Amino acid sequence: MLLLRSESLPEGLDWLYELKLDGYRAIAVKSGGTVRLRSRNDSDFNRRYPSIVAALAAMPDETVLDGEIVAFDASGRLSFQALQNHASTSTLIYYVFDVMIVEGRDVTGEPLDARRALLESRVLPVLSDPIRYSPELPARLPDLIQSVKAQQLEGLVAKRRDSRYEPGQRSGAWLKMRVNRSQAFVIGGYTIAGNGFDALIFGCYEGGQLRYVARTRSGFTKRFR
């Protein structure tokens, strides 16, 4: 189920709020005693994140979880750069926020509150680090926005409590809002000019894929080139 980007989030008891995590969305499946960790685009994450796969071995069989893989840098802050270049210095965590199948029972048609209750009672008690729960943030929306700004976190997510799980859909039942508008970019290449380069080419990662953003010529002198 996909998040719809929004410039503002709704308020009210019909909605719950979570932190917007800056990582890789991942589906965890355990079937026949085997764990498979897949990206949103169905790429294999097993070899890339073996510590998370090993920790998921304790989850009930015939169960499917939805969550996000994130990394913390040496200072203990969420870092997408640390996730892209994770090593022994990075702490990897898989934050789980939903469940689609519990011990062979399809629960996608049940409301979000009911699915999260199943997640809390039937799945999470048997799991431990690096598997964690993405908890509801029980506070007023203005207070949450102020706190996210102060902590320089990325943003917030709002989800309708009665929403069913809609695979592949961006229905608006799940919304995301950036609070601190920053972005990490990757230098993906350059264009040639004379004896040096004309411009650097920048991209960013979206859903595990590197996307072109822009190029820049400013700030580079002939001596630097």
N, C-alpha and C. Protein backbone atom coordinates (compact mmCIF):
# COMPACT_ATOMS: atom_id res chain seq x y z
N MET A 1 0.86 -1.19 0.00
CA MET A 1 0.00 0.00 0.00
C MET A 1 0.89 1.23 0.00
N LEU A 2 0.54 2.21 -0.83
CA LEU A 2 1.41 3.36 -1.05
C LEU A 2 0.90 4.59 -0.32
N LEU A 3 1.83 5.49 -0.04
CA LEU A 3 1.51 6.75 0.64
C LEU A 3 1.29 7.85 -0.39
N LEU A 4 0.26 8.65 -0.17
CA LEU A 4 -0.01 9.79 -1.02
C LEU A 4 0.62 11.03 -0.41
N ARG A 5 1.44 11.72 -1.20
CA ARG A 5 2.11 12.92 -0.69
C ARG A 5 1.10 14.04 -0.50
N SER A 6 1.25 14.78 0.61
CA SER A 6 0.33 15.86 0.92
C SER A 6 1.10 17.02 1.55
N GLU A 7 0.61 18.23 1.33
CA GLU A 7 1.22 19.41 1.92
C GLU A 7 0.73 19.64 3.35
N SER A 8 -0.32 18.93 3.76
CA SER A 8 -0.84 19.03 5.12
C SER A 8 -1.47 17.69 5.47
N LEU A 9 -1.67 17.45 6.76
CA LEU A 9 -2.26 16.21 7.23
C LEU A 9 -3.57 16.50 7.96
N PRO A 10 -4.53 15.60 7.87
CA PRO A 10 -5.81 15.80 8.57
C PRO A 10 -5.66 15.58 10.07
N GLU A 11 -6.54 16.22 10.81
CA GLU A 11 -6.58 16.03 12.25
C GLU A 11 -7.87 15.33 12.65
N GLY A 12 -7.84 14.64 13.79
CA GLY A 12 -9.05 14.00 14.28
C GLY A 12 -8.79 12.60 14.77
N LEU A 13 -9.76 12.06 15.48
CA LEU A 13 -9.63 10.74 16.08
C LEU A 13 -9.65 9.62 15.05
N ASP A 14 -10.06 9.92 13.81
CA ASP A 14 -10.11 8.90 12.77
C ASP A 14 -8.73 8.59 12.19
N TRP A 15 -7.71 9.35 12.60
CA TRP A 15 -6.38 9.21 12.02
C TRP A 15 -5.35 8.87 13.09
N LEU A 16 -4.37 8.07 12.72
CA LEU A 16 -3.21 7.85 13.60
C LEU A 16 -1.97 8.37 12.87
N TYR A 17 -0.95 8.73 13.66
CA TYR A 17 0.26 9.34 13.11
C TYR A 17 1.48 8.51 13.46
N GLU A 18 2.40 8.44 12.51
CA GLU A 18 3.68 7.78 12.70
C GLU A 18 4.77 8.68 12.13
N LEU A 19 6.01 8.40 12.51
CA LEU A 19 7.13 9.10 11.89
C LEU A 19 7.29 8.65 10.45
N LYS A 20 7.65 9.58 9.58
CA LYS A 20 8.04 9.23 8.21
C LYS A 20 9.50 8.80 8.26
N LEU A 21 9.74 7.54 7.91
CA LEU A 21 11.09 6.98 7.99
C LEU A 21 11.80 7.13 6.65
N ASP A 22 13.07 7.47 6.70
CA ASP A 22 13.85 7.69 5.49
C ASP A 22 14.66 6.42 5.21
N GLY A 23 14.02 5.43 4.57
CA GLY A 23 14.71 4.17 4.33
C GLY A 23 14.16 3.44 3.13
N TYR A 24 14.27 2.11 3.13
CA TYR A 24 13.76 1.28 2.06
C TYR A 24 12.53 0.51 2.54
N ARG A 25 11.43 0.68 1.85
CA ARG A 25 10.23 -0.09 2.15
C ARG A 25 10.51 -1.57 1.86
N ALA A 26 10.05 -2.47 2.73
CA ALA A 26 10.35 -3.89 2.56
C ALA A 26 9.20 -4.74 3.09
N ILE A 27 8.87 -5.79 2.34
CA ILE A 27 7.86 -6.76 2.73
C ILE A 27 8.58 -8.02 3.22
N ALA A 28 8.22 -8.48 4.41
CA ALA A 28 8.80 -9.70 4.99
C ALA A 28 7.78 -10.83 4.91
N VAL A 29 8.19 -11.93 4.31
CA VAL A 29 7.31 -13.09 4.13
C VAL A 29 7.98 -14.31 4.75
N LYS A 30 7.25 -15.03 5.61
CA LYS A 30 7.72 -16.32 6.09
C LYS A 30 6.71 -17.37 5.68
N SER A 31 7.16 -18.31 4.85
CA SER A 31 6.28 -19.36 4.35
C SER A 31 7.08 -20.66 4.26
N GLY A 32 6.51 -21.75 4.76
CA GLY A 32 7.21 -23.02 4.74
C GLY A 32 8.50 -22.99 5.54
N GLY A 33 8.54 -22.11 6.55
CA GLY A 33 9.73 -22.00 7.39
C GLY A 33 10.84 -21.15 6.82
N THR A 34 10.64 -20.58 5.63
CA THR A 34 11.66 -19.77 4.96
C THR A 34 11.26 -18.30 4.95
N VAL A 35 12.21 -17.41 5.27
CA VAL A 35 11.97 -15.96 5.28
C VAL A 35 12.46 -15.35 3.98
N ARG A 36 11.63 -14.53 3.39
CA ARG A 36 12.02 -13.76 2.21
C ARG A 36 11.76 -12.28 2.51
N LEU A 37 12.75 -11.45 2.23
CA LEU A 37 12.65 -10.01 2.41
C LEU A 37 12.73 -9.37 1.03
N ARG A 38 11.65 -8.66 0.64
CA ARG A 38 11.56 -8.12 -0.71
C ARG A 38 11.37 -6.61 -0.67
N SER A 39 11.91 -5.92 -1.67
CA SER A 39 11.70 -4.48 -1.79
C SER A 39 10.32 -4.21 -2.34
N ARG A 40 9.95 -2.93 -2.38
CA ARG A 40 8.65 -2.55 -2.92
C ARG A 40 8.53 -2.95 -4.39
N ASN A 41 9.68 -2.96 -5.09
CA ASN A 41 9.71 -3.36 -6.50
C ASN A 41 10.02 -4.84 -6.68
N ASP A 42 9.91 -5.62 -5.57
CA ASP A 42 10.09 -7.06 -5.58
C ASP A 42 11.53 -7.49 -5.84
N SER A 43 12.49 -6.65 -5.44
CA SER A 43 13.90 -7.05 -5.49
C SER A 43 14.23 -7.85 -4.23
N ASP A 44 15.22 -8.74 -4.33
CA ASP A 44 15.61 -9.60 -3.21
C ASP A 44 16.51 -8.83 -2.24
N PHE A 45 16.06 -8.72 -0.99
CA PHE A 45 16.85 -8.05 0.05
C PHE A 45 17.56 -9.05 0.98
N ASN A 46 17.39 -10.35 0.76
CA ASN A 46 17.94 -11.33 1.69
C ASN A 46 19.45 -11.24 1.83
N ARG A 47 20.15 -11.18 0.71
CA ARG A 47 21.62 -11.12 0.76
C ARG A 47 22.12 -9.76 1.24
N ARG A 48 21.35 -8.74 0.97
CA ARG A 48 21.78 -7.39 1.33
C ARG A 48 21.65 -7.12 2.83
N TYR A 49 20.61 -7.71 3.45
CA TYR A 49 20.35 -7.45 4.87
C TYR A 49 20.18 -8.77 5.63
N PRO A 50 21.23 -9.57 5.71
CA PRO A 50 21.11 -10.89 6.35
C PRO A 50 20.78 -10.84 7.83
N SER A 51 21.21 -9.79 8.54
CA SER A 51 20.91 -9.70 9.97
C SER A 51 19.42 -9.53 10.21
N ILE A 52 18.75 -8.80 9.33
CA ILE A 52 17.30 -8.61 9.46
C ILE A 52 16.57 -9.90 9.12
N VAL A 53 17.02 -10.58 8.07
CA VAL A 53 16.41 -11.85 7.69
C VAL A 53 16.53 -12.86 8.82
N ALA A 54 17.70 -12.92 9.44
CA ALA A 54 17.91 -13.86 10.54
C ALA A 54 16.99 -13.56 11.71
N ALA A 55 16.79 -12.28 12.02
CA ALA A 55 15.92 -11.91 13.14
C ALA A 55 14.45 -12.22 12.84
N LEU A 56 14.08 -12.17 11.57
CA LEU A 56 12.69 -12.44 11.17
C LEU A 56 12.36 -13.94 11.21
N ALA A 57 13.35 -14.79 11.39
CA ALA A 57 13.11 -16.23 11.43
C ALA A 57 12.17 -16.62 12.57
N ALA A 58 12.07 -15.78 13.60
CA ALA A 58 11.21 -16.09 14.75
C ALA A 58 9.75 -15.75 14.50
N MET A 59 9.43 -15.04 13.42
CA MET A 59 8.04 -14.66 13.17
C MET A 59 7.19 -15.90 12.86
N PRO A 60 5.89 -15.86 13.12
CA PRO A 60 5.03 -17.02 12.85
C PRO A 60 5.07 -17.41 11.37
N ASP A 61 4.94 -18.69 11.10
CA ASP A 61 4.93 -19.16 9.72
C ASP A 61 3.67 -18.69 9.00
N GLU A 62 3.76 -18.58 7.68
CA GLU A 62 2.66 -18.12 6.84
C GLU A 62 2.17 -16.75 7.29
N THR A 63 3.13 -15.83 7.44
CA THR A 63 2.84 -14.46 7.87
C THR A 63 3.55 -13.48 6.95
N VAL A 64 2.91 -12.35 6.68
CA VAL A 64 3.47 -11.31 5.81
C VAL A 64 3.40 -9.97 6.52
N LEU A 65 4.56 -9.30 6.63
CA LEU A 65 4.67 -8.01 7.31
C LEU A 65 5.05 -6.91 6.33
N ASP A 66 4.67 -5.70 6.67
CA ASP A 66 5.07 -4.51 5.90
C ASP A 66 5.86 -3.60 6.83
N GLY A 67 6.96 -3.07 6.34
CA GLY A 67 7.78 -2.19 7.16
C GLY A 67 8.83 -1.46 6.35
N GLU A 68 9.80 -0.89 7.03
CA GLU A 68 10.83 -0.10 6.37
C GLU A 68 12.18 -0.34 7.03
N ILE A 69 13.18 -0.55 6.19
CA ILE A 69 14.55 -0.73 6.66
C ILE A 69 15.22 0.63 6.74
N VAL A 70 15.80 0.94 7.90
CA VAL A 70 16.49 2.22 8.08
C VAL A 70 17.86 1.96 8.69
N ALA A 71 18.67 3.01 8.68
CA ALA A 71 20.01 2.92 9.28
C ALA A 71 20.24 4.13 10.16
N PHE A 72 20.96 3.91 11.26
CA PHE A 72 21.38 5.00 12.14
C PHE A 72 22.88 5.19 11.98
N ASP A 73 23.31 6.43 11.90
CA ASP A 73 24.74 6.69 11.77
C ASP A 73 25.43 6.62 13.13
N ALA A 74 26.71 6.96 13.16
CA ALA A 74 27.50 6.84 14.39
C ALA A 74 26.99 7.74 15.50
N SER A 75 26.28 8.81 15.14
CA SER A 75 25.74 9.73 16.16
C SER A 75 24.35 9.31 16.63
N GLY A 76 23.82 8.21 16.07
CA GLY A 76 22.52 7.72 16.49
C GLY A 76 21.35 8.36 15.78
N ARG A 77 21.59 9.04 14.65
CA ARG A 77 20.53 9.68 13.89
C ARG A 77 20.19 8.85 12.65
N LEU A 78 18.91 8.89 12.27
CA LEU A 78 18.51 8.23 11.03
C LEU A 78 19.28 8.82 9.86
N SER A 79 19.80 7.96 8.99
CA SER A 79 20.63 8.44 7.89
C SER A 79 20.41 7.56 6.66
N PHE A 80 19.87 8.16 5.60
CA PHE A 80 19.69 7.41 4.36
C PHE A 80 21.04 7.12 3.72
N GLN A 81 22.00 8.04 3.89
CA GLN A 81 23.35 7.80 3.36
C GLN A 81 23.99 6.59 4.03
N ALA A 82 23.79 6.46 5.34
CA ALA A 82 24.33 5.29 6.05
C ALA A 82 23.67 4.01 5.57
N LEU A 83 22.40 4.09 5.21
CA LEU A 83 21.70 2.91 4.69
C LEU A 83 22.25 2.50 3.33
N GLN A 84 22.51 3.49 2.48
CA GLN A 84 23.04 3.19 1.15
C GLN A 84 24.44 2.58 1.22
N ASN A 85 25.20 3.01 2.22
CA ASN A 85 26.58 2.55 2.33
C ASN A 85 26.81 1.82 3.65
N HIS A 86 25.83 1.00 4.04
CA HIS A 86 25.87 0.41 5.38
C HIS A 86 27.09 -0.50 5.54
N ALA A 87 27.68 -0.40 6.72
CA ALA A 87 28.86 -1.20 7.08
C ALA A 87 28.75 -1.51 8.56
N SER A 88 29.83 -1.97 9.14
CA SER A 88 29.80 -2.35 10.55
C SER A 88 29.54 -1.16 11.46
N THR A 89 29.77 0.06 10.93
CA THR A 89 29.56 1.26 11.74
C THR A 89 28.10 1.71 11.75
N SER A 90 27.26 1.12 10.90
CA SER A 90 25.86 1.50 10.81
C SER A 90 24.99 0.49 11.57
N THR A 91 23.93 1.01 12.19
CA THR A 91 22.97 0.15 12.86
C THR A 91 21.73 0.04 11.99
N LEU A 92 21.43 -1.18 11.52
CA LEU A 92 20.27 -1.41 10.67
C LEU A 92 19.07 -1.87 11.51
N ILE A 93 17.90 -1.30 11.21
CA ILE A 93 16.67 -1.65 11.92
C ILE A 93 15.56 -1.84 10.89
N TYR A 94 14.71 -2.84 11.12
CA TYR A 94 13.52 -3.03 10.30
C TYR A 94 12.31 -2.65 11.14
N TYR A 95 11.71 -1.49 10.83
CA TYR A 95 10.54 -1.02 11.55
C TYR A 95 9.28 -1.58 10.89
N VAL A 96 8.50 -2.34 11.65
CA VAL A 96 7.28 -2.97 11.15
C VAL A 96 6.09 -2.10 11.52
N PHE A 97 5.20 -1.84 10.54
CA PHE A 97 4.02 -1.03 10.85
C PHE A 97 2.70 -1.65 10.41
N ASP A 98 2.74 -2.80 9.73
CA ASP A 98 1.47 -3.40 9.31
C ASP A 98 1.68 -4.90 9.07
N VAL A 99 0.56 -5.63 9.04
CA VAL A 99 0.58 -7.06 8.76
C VAL A 99 -0.55 -7.35 7.78
N MET A 100 -0.26 -8.16 6.76
CA MET A 100 -1.27 -8.49 5.75
C MET A 100 -1.80 -9.92 5.91
N ILE A 101 -0.94 -10.82 6.36
CA ILE A 101 -1.32 -12.21 6.60
C ILE A 101 -0.75 -12.65 7.94
N VAL A 102 -1.58 -13.26 8.77
CA VAL A 102 -1.16 -13.75 10.08
C VAL A 102 -1.44 -15.24 10.15
N GLU A 103 -0.39 -16.04 10.19
CA GLU A 103 -0.51 -17.50 10.29
C GLU A 103 -1.51 -18.05 9.27
N GLY A 104 -1.38 -17.60 8.03
CA GLY A 104 -2.22 -18.08 6.95
C GLY A 104 -3.55 -17.37 6.78
N ARG A 105 -3.87 -16.46 7.66
CA ARG A 105 -5.14 -15.74 7.59
C ARG A 105 -4.94 -14.36 6.95
N ASP A 106 -5.63 -14.12 5.84
CA ASP A 106 -5.56 -12.84 5.13
C ASP A 106 -6.36 -11.80 5.92
N VAL A 107 -5.67 -10.73 6.36
CA VAL A 107 -6.34 -9.70 7.16
C VAL A 107 -6.35 -8.35 6.45
N THR A 108 -6.06 -8.35 5.14
CA THR A 108 -6.00 -7.08 4.41
C THR A 108 -7.34 -6.36 4.39
N GLY A 109 -8.44 -7.09 4.53
CA GLY A 109 -9.75 -6.46 4.51
C GLY A 109 -10.19 -5.91 5.85
N GLU A 110 -9.42 -6.16 6.89
CA GLU A 110 -9.76 -5.66 8.21
C GLU A 110 -9.22 -4.24 8.40
N PRO A 111 -9.81 -3.45 9.29
CA PRO A 111 -9.34 -2.08 9.51
C PRO A 111 -7.92 -2.04 10.08
N LEU A 112 -7.25 -0.94 9.83
CA LEU A 112 -5.86 -0.78 10.26
C LEU A 112 -5.71 -1.01 11.76
N ASP A 113 -6.60 -0.47 12.57
CA ASP A 113 -6.50 -0.66 14.02
C ASP A 113 -6.51 -2.14 14.39
N ALA A 114 -7.35 -2.92 13.71
CA ALA A 114 -7.44 -4.36 14.00
C ALA A 114 -6.16 -5.07 13.55
N ARG A 115 -5.61 -4.68 12.41
CA ARG A 115 -4.37 -5.30 11.92
C ARG A 115 -3.21 -4.99 12.87
N ARG A 116 -3.14 -3.76 13.34
CA ARG A 116 -2.06 -3.40 14.26
C ARG A 116 -2.21 -4.13 15.59
N ALA A 117 -3.45 -4.35 16.02
CA ALA A 117 -3.66 -5.11 17.26
C ALA A 117 -3.17 -6.55 17.09
N LEU A 118 -3.40 -7.15 15.93
CA LEU A 118 -2.89 -8.49 15.65
C LEU A 118 -1.36 -8.49 15.61
N LEU A 119 -0.81 -7.45 15.02
CA LEU A 119 0.65 -7.32 14.96
C LEU A 119 1.24 -7.26 16.36
N GLU A 120 0.61 -6.49 17.23
CA GLU A 120 1.11 -6.32 18.60
C GLU A 120 0.95 -7.58 19.44
N SER A 121 -0.12 -8.34 19.21
CA SER A 121 -0.39 -9.51 20.07
C SER A 121 0.17 -10.82 19.53
N ARG A 122 0.26 -10.96 18.20
CA ARG A 122 0.60 -12.26 17.63
C ARG A 122 1.99 -12.33 17.00
N VAL A 123 2.55 -11.20 16.65
CA VAL A 123 3.81 -11.22 15.90
C VAL A 123 4.97 -10.58 16.67
N LEU A 124 4.79 -9.36 17.10
CA LEU A 124 5.90 -8.62 17.72
C LEU A 124 6.44 -9.25 19.00
N PRO A 125 5.62 -9.91 19.83
CA PRO A 125 6.17 -10.50 21.05
C PRO A 125 7.27 -11.53 20.82
N VAL A 126 7.32 -12.14 19.63
CA VAL A 126 8.35 -13.16 19.37
C VAL A 126 9.55 -12.60 18.61
N LEU A 127 9.52 -11.30 18.32
CA LEU A 127 10.61 -10.68 17.57
C LEU A 127 11.41 -9.74 18.46
N SER A 128 12.66 -9.52 18.10
CA SER A 128 13.53 -8.62 18.85
C SER A 128 14.47 -7.91 17.87
N ASP A 129 15.32 -7.04 18.38
CA ASP A 129 16.23 -6.28 17.54
C ASP A 129 16.98 -7.18 16.56
N PRO A 130 17.12 -6.74 15.33
CA PRO A 130 16.84 -5.41 14.79
C PRO A 130 15.43 -5.20 14.24
N ILE A 131 14.46 -5.96 14.75
CA ILE A 131 13.06 -5.76 14.35
C ILE A 131 12.39 -4.91 15.43
N ARG A 132 11.77 -3.81 15.03
CA ARG A 132 11.09 -2.93 15.97
C ARG A 132 9.73 -2.52 15.42
N TYR A 133 8.90 -2.05 16.30
CA TYR A 133 7.56 -1.59 15.95
C TYR A 133 7.61 -0.11 15.62
N SER A 134 6.89 0.30 14.58
CA SER A 134 6.72 1.72 14.29
C SER A 134 5.47 2.18 15.03
N PRO A 135 5.62 2.81 16.18
CA PRO A 135 4.46 3.06 17.04
C PRO A 135 3.62 4.24 16.59
N GLU A 136 2.38 4.24 17.04
CA GLU A 136 1.53 5.42 16.87
C GLU A 136 2.07 6.54 17.77
N LEU A 137 1.99 7.77 17.28
CA LEU A 137 2.44 8.93 18.05
C LEU A 137 1.20 9.59 18.66
N PRO A 138 0.94 9.35 19.94
CA PRO A 138 -0.30 9.83 20.58
C PRO A 138 -0.19 11.27 21.04
N ALA A 139 -0.28 12.19 20.09
CA ALA A 139 -0.19 13.61 20.44
C ALA A 139 -0.95 14.42 19.40
N ARG A 140 -1.18 15.69 19.69
CA ARG A 140 -1.84 16.58 18.75
C ARG A 140 -0.93 16.82 17.56
N LEU A 141 -1.54 16.94 16.37
CA LEU A 141 -0.75 17.12 15.15
C LEU A 141 0.17 18.33 15.21
N PRO A 142 -0.28 19.51 15.67
CA PRO A 142 0.64 20.66 15.74
C PRO A 142 1.85 20.38 16.63
N ASP A 143 1.64 19.65 17.73
CA ASP A 143 2.75 19.32 18.62
C ASP A 143 3.72 18.35 17.95
N LEU A 144 3.18 17.40 17.18
CA LEU A 144 4.03 16.45 16.47
C LEU A 144 4.88 17.16 15.42
N ILE A 145 4.27 18.08 14.69
CA ILE A 145 5.01 18.82 13.66
C ILE A 145 6.13 19.63 14.30
N GLN A 146 5.83 20.28 15.41
CA GLN A 146 6.84 21.07 16.11
C GLN A 146 8.00 20.18 16.58
N SER A 147 7.67 19.01 17.11
CA SER A 147 8.69 18.09 17.59
C SER A 147 9.56 17.56 16.45
N VAL A 148 8.94 17.22 15.33
CA VAL A 148 9.69 16.72 14.17
C VAL A 148 10.63 17.80 13.65
N LYS A 149 10.17 19.03 13.62
CA LYS A 149 11.03 20.14 13.20
C LYS A 149 12.23 20.27 14.14
N ALA A 150 11.96 20.22 15.44
CA ALA A 150 13.02 20.41 16.43
C ALA A 150 14.06 19.31 16.36
N GLN A 151 13.61 18.08 16.09
CA GLN A 151 14.53 16.93 16.03
C GLN A 151 15.14 16.74 14.65
N GLN A 152 14.75 17.62 13.71
CA GLN A 152 15.24 17.58 12.33
C GLN A 152 15.00 16.21 11.68
N LEU A 153 13.81 15.66 11.96
CA LEU A 153 13.39 14.43 11.31
C LEU A 153 12.70 14.77 9.99
N GLU A 154 12.47 13.74 9.17
CA GLU A 154 11.99 14.02 7.81
C GLU A 154 10.55 14.48 7.76
N GLY A 155 9.65 13.79 8.45
CA GLY A 155 8.25 14.17 8.34
C GLY A 155 7.34 13.24 9.10
N LEU A 156 6.06 13.26 8.73
CA LEU A 156 5.03 12.48 9.41
C LEU A 156 4.17 11.73 8.41
N VAL A 157 3.55 10.66 8.89
CA VAL A 157 2.61 9.87 8.13
C VAL A 157 1.29 9.86 8.88
N ALA A 158 0.19 10.00 8.15
CA ALA A 158 -1.16 9.90 8.74
C ALA A 158 -1.90 8.76 8.04
N LYS A 159 -2.57 7.90 8.82
CA LYS A 159 -3.31 6.77 8.27
C LYS A 159 -4.70 6.70 8.89
N ARG A 160 -5.69 6.44 8.05
CA ARG A 160 -7.05 6.27 8.56
C ARG A 160 -7.13 4.98 9.37
N ARG A 161 -7.69 5.07 10.54
CA ARG A 161 -7.78 3.90 11.42
C ARG A 161 -8.65 2.79 10.83
N ASP A 162 -9.62 3.17 10.01
CA ASP A 162 -10.54 2.17 9.45
C ASP A 162 -10.10 1.69 8.07
N SER A 163 -8.90 2.09 7.62
CA SER A 163 -8.48 1.75 6.25
C SER A 163 -8.11 0.28 6.13
N ARG A 164 -8.57 -0.35 5.04
CA ARG A 164 -8.12 -1.70 4.72
C ARG A 164 -6.80 -1.60 3.97
N TYR A 165 -6.09 -2.70 3.87
CA TYR A 165 -4.80 -2.70 3.19
C TYR A 165 -5.03 -2.87 1.69
N GLU A 166 -4.60 -1.88 0.90
CA GLU A 166 -4.81 -1.86 -0.55
C GLU A 166 -3.47 -1.98 -1.26
N PRO A 167 -3.04 -3.20 -1.61
CA PRO A 167 -1.73 -3.40 -2.23
C PRO A 167 -1.57 -2.61 -3.53
N GLY A 168 -0.47 -1.87 -3.63
CA GLY A 168 -0.17 -1.13 -4.84
C GLY A 168 -0.97 0.13 -5.06
N GLN A 169 -1.89 0.46 -4.13
CA GLN A 169 -2.76 1.61 -4.32
C GLN A 169 -2.26 2.82 -3.52
N ARG A 170 -2.54 4.00 -4.07
CA ARG A 170 -2.25 5.26 -3.40
C ARG A 170 -3.59 5.98 -3.21
N SER A 171 -4.44 5.39 -2.39
CA SER A 171 -5.85 5.80 -2.30
C SER A 171 -6.07 7.10 -1.52
N GLY A 172 -5.10 7.49 -0.71
CA GLY A 172 -5.28 8.66 0.15
C GLY A 172 -5.63 8.29 1.57
N ALA A 173 -5.84 6.98 1.82
CA ALA A 173 -6.08 6.54 3.20
C ALA A 173 -4.80 6.61 4.01
N TRP A 174 -3.65 6.57 3.32
CA TRP A 174 -2.35 6.78 3.95
C TRP A 174 -1.73 8.02 3.30
N LEU A 175 -1.32 8.98 4.12
CA LEU A 175 -0.75 10.24 3.64
C LEU A 175 0.63 10.45 4.24
N LYS A 176 1.50 11.13 3.51
CA LYS A 176 2.82 11.49 4.02
C LYS A 176 3.06 12.97 3.79
N MET A 177 3.76 13.59 4.73
CA MET A 177 4.08 15.01 4.62
C MET A 177 5.51 15.24 5.08
N ARG A 178 6.28 15.90 4.24
CA ARG A 178 7.62 16.32 4.65
C ARG A 178 7.50 17.54 5.55
N VAL A 179 8.25 17.51 6.63
CA VAL A 179 8.28 18.65 7.54
C VAL A 179 9.58 19.42 7.36
N ASN A 180 10.70 18.72 7.44
CA ASN A 180 12.00 19.32 7.16
C ASN A 180 12.38 18.96 5.73
N ARG A 181 12.33 19.94 4.85
CA ARG A 181 12.49 19.68 3.43
C ARG A 181 13.96 19.69 3.02
N SER A 182 14.61 18.57 3.26
CA SER A 182 15.99 18.39 2.81
C SER A 182 16.04 17.12 1.98
N GLN A 183 17.09 16.98 1.20
CA GLN A 183 17.21 15.82 0.32
C GLN A 183 18.68 15.48 0.13
N ALA A 184 19.02 14.21 0.21
CA ALA A 184 20.37 13.75 -0.08
C ALA A 184 20.47 13.41 -1.56
N PHE A 185 21.48 13.96 -2.23
CA PHE A 185 21.67 13.72 -3.66
C PHE A 185 22.95 12.95 -3.91
N VAL A 186 22.98 12.29 -5.06
CA VAL A 186 24.12 11.48 -5.47
C VAL A 186 24.70 12.09 -6.74
N ILE A 187 26.04 12.23 -6.80
CA ILE A 187 26.68 12.64 -8.05
C ILE A 187 26.79 11.39 -8.92
N GLY A 188 26.01 11.36 -9.98
CA GLY A 188 25.94 10.17 -10.82
C GLY A 188 26.83 10.22 -12.05
N GLY A 189 27.38 11.40 -12.35
CA GLY A 189 28.24 11.51 -13.54
C GLY A 189 28.52 12.96 -13.86
N TYR A 190 29.05 13.20 -15.05
CA TYR A 190 29.35 14.56 -15.47
C TYR A 190 29.32 14.63 -16.99
N THR A 191 29.23 15.85 -17.52
CA THR A 191 29.25 16.06 -18.95
C THR A 191 30.59 16.69 -19.33
N ILE A 192 31.09 16.33 -20.50
CA ILE A 192 32.42 16.75 -20.95
C ILE A 192 32.37 18.12 -21.62
N ALA A 193 33.41 18.91 -21.39
CA ALA A 193 33.57 20.20 -22.08
C ALA A 193 35.05 20.51 -22.17
N GLY A 194 35.61 20.57 -23.39
CA GLY A 194 37.03 20.90 -23.56
C GLY A 194 37.92 19.89 -22.89
N ASN A 195 38.81 20.39 -22.02
CA ASN A 195 39.75 19.52 -21.31
C ASN A 195 39.25 19.09 -19.93
N GLY A 196 38.04 19.49 -19.60
CA GLY A 196 37.52 19.15 -18.28
C GLY A 196 36.08 18.73 -18.38
N PHE A 197 35.29 19.04 -17.34
CA PHE A 197 33.88 18.70 -17.37
C PHE A 197 33.04 19.96 -17.38
N ASP A 198 31.85 19.83 -17.96
CA ASP A 198 30.96 20.97 -18.10
C ASP A 198 30.03 21.11 -16.90
N ALA A 199 29.51 19.98 -16.43
CA ALA A 199 28.55 20.03 -15.32
C ALA A 199 28.51 18.68 -14.61
N LEU A 200 28.14 18.71 -13.33
CA LEU A 200 27.91 17.50 -12.57
C LEU A 200 26.43 17.11 -12.68
N ILE A 201 26.18 15.82 -12.75
CA ILE A 201 24.81 15.30 -12.87
C ILE A 201 24.39 14.72 -11.53
N PHE A 202 23.26 15.19 -11.00
CA PHE A 202 22.78 14.76 -9.69
C PHE A 202 21.53 13.89 -9.82
N GLY A 203 21.42 12.95 -8.88
CA GLY A 203 20.23 12.11 -8.80
C GLY A 203 19.87 11.87 -7.35
N CYS A 204 18.73 11.21 -7.12
CA CYS A 204 18.34 10.82 -5.77
C CYS A 204 17.67 9.45 -5.85
N TYR A 205 17.64 8.78 -4.72
CA TYR A 205 17.05 7.45 -4.66
C TYR A 205 15.57 7.55 -4.30
N GLU A 206 14.74 6.86 -5.09
CA GLU A 206 13.31 6.75 -4.81
C GLU A 206 12.93 5.28 -4.94
N GLY A 207 12.50 4.68 -3.83
CA GLY A 207 12.12 3.28 -3.86
C GLY A 207 13.25 2.36 -4.27
N GLY A 208 14.49 2.74 -3.91
CA GLY A 208 15.64 1.91 -4.24
C GLY A 208 16.19 2.13 -5.63
N GLN A 209 15.56 3.02 -6.43
CA GLN A 209 16.03 3.31 -7.78
C GLN A 209 16.63 4.71 -7.83
N LEU A 210 17.77 4.85 -8.52
CA LEU A 210 18.41 6.15 -8.67
C LEU A 210 17.75 6.91 -9.81
N ARG A 211 17.20 8.10 -9.49
CA ARG A 211 16.48 8.92 -10.47
C ARG A 211 17.26 10.20 -10.76
N TYR A 212 17.27 10.61 -12.03
CA TYR A 212 17.89 11.88 -12.41
C TYR A 212 17.12 13.05 -11.82
N VAL A 213 17.86 14.05 -11.29
CA VAL A 213 17.22 15.24 -10.73
C VAL A 213 17.59 16.49 -11.52
N ALA A 214 18.90 16.75 -11.66
CA ALA A 214 19.33 17.97 -12.32
C ALA A 214 20.84 17.92 -12.58
N ARG A 215 21.36 18.96 -13.21
CA ARG A 215 22.80 19.12 -13.35
C ARG A 215 23.16 20.55 -12.99
N THR A 216 24.41 20.75 -12.61
CA THR A 216 24.83 22.08 -12.19
C THR A 216 26.20 22.42 -12.76
N ARG A 217 26.31 23.67 -13.22
CA ARG A 217 27.60 24.15 -13.73
C ARG A 217 28.24 25.16 -12.77
N SER A 218 27.45 25.69 -11.85
CA SER A 218 27.94 26.81 -11.02
C SER A 218 28.98 26.36 -10.00
N GLY A 219 29.94 27.28 -9.74
CA GLY A 219 30.90 27.04 -8.67
C GLY A 219 32.20 26.36 -9.07
N PHE A 220 32.32 25.99 -10.34
CA PHE A 220 33.53 25.28 -10.78
C PHE A 220 34.37 26.18 -11.67
N THR A 221 35.56 26.50 -11.23
CA THR A 221 36.47 27.35 -12.01
C THR A 221 37.26 26.50 -12.99
N LYS A 222 37.92 27.14 -13.96
CA LYS A 222 38.75 26.42 -14.92
C LYS A 222 39.90 25.71 -14.22
N ARG A 223 40.45 26.32 -13.17
CA ARG A 223 41.54 25.69 -12.43
C ARG A 223 41.05 24.42 -11.73
N PHE A 224 39.84 24.50 -11.16
CA PHE A 224 39.29 23.33 -10.46
C PHE A 224 39.04 22.18 -11.44
N ARG A 225 38.57 22.53 -12.64
CA ARG A 225 38.27 21.51 -13.63
C ARG A 225 39.56 20.87 -14.15
